[in-house]
Amino acid sequence: MDVSLASWLVIAVALAAANLPFFNERVFGLLPWKAGQGRTKPFIVRLLELIVLYFVVGLLARGLESRIGNVFVQTWEFYAITACMFVVLAFPGFVLRYLRKRRG
């Protein structure tokens, strides 16, 4: 796998993973949510999913980087920027879940 394909793969997986908590009512898309009286997941659960999925995508990216060549050492700035980018990638799902006007 070349660098370009690995980069696009990580971006596509990050886009899908960032929006996953907002597009379904299952935890990580697998486990049904049954807690409490409400049928929908609370925002804090969606936020925790987003954090865990950020680290999953990061592990995938690190694995792909190690297969291509040397793994570079990253400092806190790298993680701060990638976390912000992950939140920006989650914006479409957030808008559809919380900001879209419901008709009816």
N, C-alpha and C. Protein backbone atom coordinates (compact mmCIF):
# COMPACT_ATOMS: atom_id res chain seq x y z
N MET A 1 0.85 -1.17 0.00
CA MET A 1 0.00 0.00 0.00
C MET A 1 0.89 1.23 0.00
N ASP A 2 0.62 2.14 -0.90
CA ASP A 2 1.44 3.34 -0.95
C ASP A 2 0.91 4.41 0.01
N VAL A 3 1.67 5.48 0.13
CA VAL A 3 1.36 6.53 1.09
C VAL A 3 0.04 7.22 0.76
N SER A 4 -0.22 7.48 -0.49
CA SER A 4 -1.43 8.19 -0.89
C SER A 4 -2.68 7.37 -0.57
N LEU A 5 -2.65 6.09 -0.90
CA LEU A 5 -3.80 5.24 -0.61
C LEU A 5 -4.03 5.11 0.89
N ALA A 6 -2.97 4.96 1.66
CA ALA A 6 -3.09 4.87 3.12
C ALA A 6 -3.66 6.15 3.70
N SER A 7 -3.24 7.29 3.17
CA SER A 7 -3.74 8.57 3.66
C SER A 7 -5.23 8.71 3.41
N TRP A 8 -5.66 8.39 2.19
CA TRP A 8 -7.09 8.50 1.85
C TRP A 8 -7.91 7.48 2.64
N LEU A 9 -7.35 6.31 2.90
CA LEU A 9 -8.05 5.32 3.71
C LEU A 9 -8.28 5.82 5.13
N VAL A 10 -7.27 6.41 5.71
CA VAL A 10 -7.40 6.94 7.08
C VAL A 10 -8.42 8.08 7.11
N ILE A 11 -8.42 8.94 6.10
CA ILE A 11 -9.39 10.05 6.06
C ILE A 11 -10.81 9.51 5.92
N ALA A 12 -11.01 8.51 5.07
CA ALA A 12 -12.35 7.94 4.89
C ALA A 12 -12.83 7.24 6.15
N VAL A 13 -11.95 6.48 6.79
CA VAL A 13 -12.33 5.79 8.03
C VAL A 13 -12.60 6.82 9.14
N ALA A 14 -11.82 7.88 9.19
CA ALA A 14 -12.04 8.92 10.20
C ALA A 14 -13.38 9.62 9.99
N LEU A 15 -13.73 9.89 8.74
CA LEU A 15 -15.02 10.52 8.45
C LEU A 15 -16.18 9.62 8.87
N ALA A 16 -16.08 8.35 8.56
CA ALA A 16 -17.14 7.41 8.95
C ALA A 16 -17.20 7.24 10.47
N ALA A 17 -16.05 7.11 11.11
CA ALA A 17 -16.02 6.90 12.56
C ALA A 17 -16.49 8.14 13.32
N ALA A 18 -16.17 9.31 12.82
CA ALA A 18 -16.57 10.54 13.51
C ALA A 18 -18.08 10.73 13.48
N ASN A 19 -18.73 10.26 12.43
CA ASN A 19 -20.18 10.44 12.31
C ASN A 19 -20.97 9.26 12.86
N LEU A 20 -20.33 8.15 13.13
CA LEU A 20 -21.02 6.95 13.61
C LEU A 20 -21.84 7.19 14.88
N PRO A 21 -21.33 7.88 15.90
CA PRO A 21 -22.14 8.07 17.11
C PRO A 21 -23.43 8.85 16.89
N PHE A 22 -23.48 9.68 15.87
CA PHE A 22 -24.64 10.54 15.65
C PHE A 22 -25.68 9.93 14.72
N PHE A 23 -25.31 8.92 13.95
CA PHE A 23 -26.22 8.36 12.96
C PHE A 23 -26.97 7.13 13.43
N ASN A 24 -26.67 6.61 14.61
CA ASN A 24 -27.42 5.45 15.08
C ASN A 24 -27.60 5.50 16.59
N GLU A 25 -28.46 4.64 17.08
CA GLU A 25 -28.76 4.60 18.51
C GLU A 25 -28.08 3.41 19.20
N ARG A 26 -27.14 2.80 18.53
CA ARG A 26 -26.39 1.70 19.13
C ARG A 26 -25.03 2.23 19.57
N VAL A 27 -24.49 1.63 20.61
CA VAL A 27 -23.18 2.01 21.10
C VAL A 27 -22.13 1.40 20.17
N PHE A 28 -21.30 2.24 19.57
CA PHE A 28 -20.29 1.85 18.59
C PHE A 28 -20.90 1.15 17.38
N GLY A 29 -22.16 1.36 17.14
CA GLY A 29 -22.83 0.74 16.01
C GLY A 29 -23.12 -0.73 16.19
N LEU A 30 -22.85 -1.29 17.37
CA LEU A 30 -23.00 -2.72 17.60
C LEU A 30 -23.98 -3.06 18.72
N LEU A 31 -23.81 -2.42 19.86
CA LEU A 31 -24.58 -2.78 21.06
C LEU A 31 -25.81 -1.89 21.20
N PRO A 32 -26.98 -2.46 21.44
CA PRO A 32 -28.18 -1.62 21.59
C PRO A 32 -28.13 -0.80 22.87
N TRP A 33 -28.70 0.40 22.82
CA TRP A 33 -28.75 1.28 23.99
C TRP A 33 -30.07 1.02 24.72
N LYS A 34 -30.01 0.60 25.99
CA LYS A 34 -31.21 0.26 26.74
C LYS A 34 -31.33 1.03 28.05
N ALA A 35 -30.38 1.84 28.38
CA ALA A 35 -30.36 2.47 29.69
C ALA A 35 -31.44 3.54 29.82
N GLY A 36 -32.05 3.58 30.99
CA GLY A 36 -33.00 4.63 31.32
C GLY A 36 -34.32 4.56 30.58
N GLN A 37 -35.11 5.61 30.74
CA GLN A 37 -36.42 5.68 30.12
C GLN A 37 -36.35 6.10 28.65
N GLY A 38 -35.34 6.89 28.30
CA GLY A 38 -35.26 7.42 26.94
C GLY A 38 -34.83 6.38 25.93
N ARG A 39 -35.31 6.55 24.72
CA ARG A 39 -34.95 5.62 23.65
C ARG A 39 -33.68 6.06 22.94
N THR A 40 -33.28 7.31 23.11
CA THR A 40 -32.09 7.80 22.44
C THR A 40 -30.91 7.86 23.40
N LYS A 41 -29.72 7.75 22.82
CA LYS A 41 -28.50 7.84 23.62
C LYS A 41 -28.32 9.28 24.08
N PRO A 42 -27.89 9.48 25.31
CA PRO A 42 -27.58 10.85 25.75
C PRO A 42 -26.32 11.37 25.05
N PHE A 43 -26.15 12.68 25.06
CA PHE A 43 -25.01 13.30 24.38
C PHE A 43 -23.69 12.84 24.97
N ILE A 44 -23.63 12.61 26.28
CA ILE A 44 -22.36 12.22 26.90
C ILE A 44 -21.90 10.86 26.39
N VAL A 45 -22.83 9.97 26.11
CA VAL A 45 -22.47 8.65 25.55
C VAL A 45 -21.92 8.84 24.14
N ARG A 46 -22.55 9.71 23.37
CA ARG A 46 -22.07 9.98 22.02
C ARG A 46 -20.67 10.62 22.06
N LEU A 47 -20.43 11.49 23.02
CA LEU A 47 -19.12 12.12 23.17
C LEU A 47 -18.06 11.09 23.55
N LEU A 48 -18.39 10.19 24.47
CA LEU A 48 -17.44 9.14 24.85
C LEU A 48 -17.14 8.21 23.68
N GLU A 49 -18.15 7.90 22.89
CA GLU A 49 -17.93 7.10 21.68
C GLU A 49 -16.98 7.83 20.73
N LEU A 50 -17.17 9.12 20.58
CA LEU A 50 -16.34 9.92 19.69
C LEU A 50 -14.87 9.88 20.14
N ILE A 51 -14.65 9.96 21.43
CA ILE A 51 -13.29 9.91 21.98
C ILE A 51 -12.65 8.55 21.73
N VAL A 52 -13.39 7.49 22.01
CA VAL A 52 -12.86 6.14 21.79
C VAL A 52 -12.57 5.91 20.31
N LEU A 53 -13.48 6.35 19.44
CA LEU A 53 -13.27 6.15 18.01
C LEU A 53 -12.10 6.98 17.49
N TYR A 54 -11.82 8.12 18.10
CA TYR A 54 -10.63 8.90 17.74
C TYR A 54 -9.37 8.07 17.96
N PHE A 55 -9.31 7.38 19.10
CA PHE A 55 -8.13 6.57 19.39
C PHE A 55 -8.06 5.33 18.50
N VAL A 56 -9.21 4.77 18.14
CA VAL A 56 -9.22 3.62 17.23
C VAL A 56 -8.68 4.02 15.86
N VAL A 57 -9.13 5.16 15.35
CA VAL A 57 -8.63 5.65 14.06
C VAL A 57 -7.14 5.98 14.17
N GLY A 58 -6.72 6.52 15.29
CA GLY A 58 -5.30 6.80 15.50
C GLY A 58 -4.45 5.54 15.49
N LEU A 59 -4.97 4.47 16.09
CA LEU A 59 -4.24 3.19 16.06
C LEU A 59 -4.17 2.63 14.65
N LEU A 60 -5.25 2.76 13.89
CA LEU A 60 -5.24 2.33 12.50
C LEU A 60 -4.20 3.12 11.70
N ALA A 61 -4.17 4.43 11.89
CA ALA A 61 -3.21 5.27 11.17
C ALA A 61 -1.79 4.92 11.55
N ARG A 62 -1.56 4.67 12.81
CA ARG A 62 -0.21 4.29 13.26
C ARG A 62 0.20 2.94 12.67
N GLY A 63 -0.74 2.01 12.62
CA GLY A 63 -0.44 0.71 12.02
C GLY A 63 -0.11 0.82 10.54
N LEU A 64 -0.88 1.64 9.82
CA LEU A 64 -0.58 1.84 8.40
C LEU A 64 0.76 2.55 8.20
N GLU A 65 1.06 3.49 9.07
CA GLU A 65 2.33 4.20 8.98
C GLU A 65 3.50 3.25 9.23
N SER A 66 3.34 2.34 10.17
CA SER A 66 4.42 1.39 10.45
C SER A 66 4.62 0.40 9.31
N ARG A 67 3.57 0.09 8.58
CA ARG A 67 3.71 -0.82 7.42
C ARG A 67 4.40 -0.13 6.25
N ILE A 68 4.22 1.19 6.14
CA ILE A 68 4.82 1.93 5.03
C ILE A 68 6.30 2.20 5.28
N GLY A 69 6.64 2.54 6.51
CA GLY A 69 8.04 2.88 6.81
C GLY A 69 8.21 3.16 8.28
N ASN A 70 9.01 4.14 8.60
CA ASN A 70 9.28 4.51 9.98
C ASN A 70 8.09 5.22 10.60
N VAL A 71 7.84 4.91 11.87
CA VAL A 71 6.81 5.61 12.63
C VAL A 71 7.46 6.83 13.27
N PHE A 72 6.92 8.01 12.98
CA PHE A 72 7.49 9.23 13.50
C PHE A 72 6.95 9.53 14.89
N VAL A 73 7.80 10.09 15.72
CA VAL A 73 7.40 10.49 17.07
C VAL A 73 6.53 11.74 16.96
N GLN A 74 5.41 11.75 17.69
CA GLN A 74 4.49 12.88 17.66
C GLN A 74 4.46 13.55 19.03
N THR A 75 4.28 14.85 19.02
CA THR A 75 4.17 15.60 20.28
C THR A 75 2.71 15.97 20.51
N TRP A 76 2.46 16.69 21.57
CA TRP A 76 1.08 16.99 21.96
C TRP A 76 0.38 17.84 20.91
N GLU A 77 1.11 18.65 20.17
CA GLU A 77 0.50 19.49 19.15
C GLU A 77 -0.19 18.66 18.07
N PHE A 78 0.45 17.57 17.68
CA PHE A 78 -0.12 16.67 16.68
C PHE A 78 -1.46 16.12 17.15
N TYR A 79 -1.50 15.67 18.39
CA TYR A 79 -2.74 15.09 18.92
C TYR A 79 -3.83 16.14 19.11
N ALA A 80 -3.44 17.35 19.47
CA ALA A 80 -4.43 18.43 19.61
C ALA A 80 -5.04 18.77 18.25
N ILE A 81 -4.21 18.85 17.22
CA ILE A 81 -4.71 19.19 15.89
C ILE A 81 -5.57 18.07 15.33
N THR A 82 -5.14 16.81 15.47
CA THR A 82 -5.93 15.71 14.92
C THR A 82 -7.25 15.53 15.68
N ALA A 83 -7.26 15.82 16.98
CA ALA A 83 -8.52 15.76 17.73
C ALA A 83 -9.49 16.83 17.23
N CYS A 84 -8.97 18.02 16.98
CA CYS A 84 -9.83 19.08 16.43
C CYS A 84 -10.34 18.72 15.04
N MET A 85 -9.49 18.12 14.22
CA MET A 85 -9.92 17.70 12.89
C MET A 85 -10.99 16.62 12.97
N PHE A 86 -10.85 15.71 13.95
CA PHE A 86 -11.84 14.65 14.12
C PHE A 86 -13.19 15.23 14.52
N VAL A 87 -13.17 16.24 15.38
CA VAL A 87 -14.41 16.91 15.77
C VAL A 87 -15.03 17.63 14.58
N VAL A 88 -14.22 18.24 13.74
CA VAL A 88 -14.74 18.91 12.54
C VAL A 88 -15.36 17.87 11.60
N LEU A 89 -14.74 16.71 11.46
CA LEU A 89 -15.31 15.65 10.62
C LEU A 89 -16.65 15.15 11.17
N ALA A 90 -16.87 15.29 12.46
CA ALA A 90 -18.13 14.85 13.08
C ALA A 90 -19.24 15.88 12.93
N PHE A 91 -18.95 17.04 12.39
CA PHE A 91 -19.93 18.11 12.29
C PHE A 91 -21.19 17.74 11.50
N PRO A 92 -21.09 17.06 10.34
CA PRO A 92 -22.33 16.71 9.62
C PRO A 92 -23.27 15.83 10.45
N GLY A 93 -22.74 14.87 11.15
CA GLY A 93 -23.58 14.02 11.99
C GLY A 93 -24.21 14.78 13.14
N PHE A 94 -23.44 15.69 13.75
CA PHE A 94 -23.96 16.51 14.83
C PHE A 94 -25.10 17.39 14.33
N VAL A 95 -24.92 18.01 13.17
CA VAL A 95 -25.96 18.88 12.61
C VAL A 95 -27.23 18.09 12.33
N LEU A 96 -27.09 16.93 11.72
CA LEU A 96 -28.28 16.12 11.41
C LEU A 96 -28.97 15.63 12.68
N ARG A 97 -28.22 15.35 13.73
CA ARG A 97 -28.81 14.84 14.96
C ARG A 97 -29.44 15.93 15.81
N TYR A 98 -28.76 17.06 15.98
CA TYR A 98 -29.21 18.05 16.96
C TYR A 98 -29.70 19.38 16.38
N LEU A 99 -29.23 19.78 15.22
CA LEU A 99 -29.57 21.11 14.72
C LEU A 99 -30.60 21.11 13.61
N ARG A 100 -30.88 19.96 13.03
CA ARG A 100 -31.84 19.89 11.93
C ARG A 100 -33.23 20.12 12.48
N LYS A 101 -34.00 20.90 11.75
CA LYS A 101 -35.37 21.19 12.17
C LYS A 101 -36.26 19.99 11.86
N ARG A 102 -36.93 19.50 12.88
CA ARG A 102 -37.82 18.35 12.70
C ARG A 102 -39.19 18.82 12.24
N ARG A 103 -39.71 18.20 11.24
CA ARG A 103 -41.03 18.54 10.71
C ARG A 103 -42.06 17.58 11.27
N GLY A 104 -43.21 18.10 11.57
CA GLY A 104 -44.31 17.22 11.98
C GLY A 104 -44.75 17.40 13.32
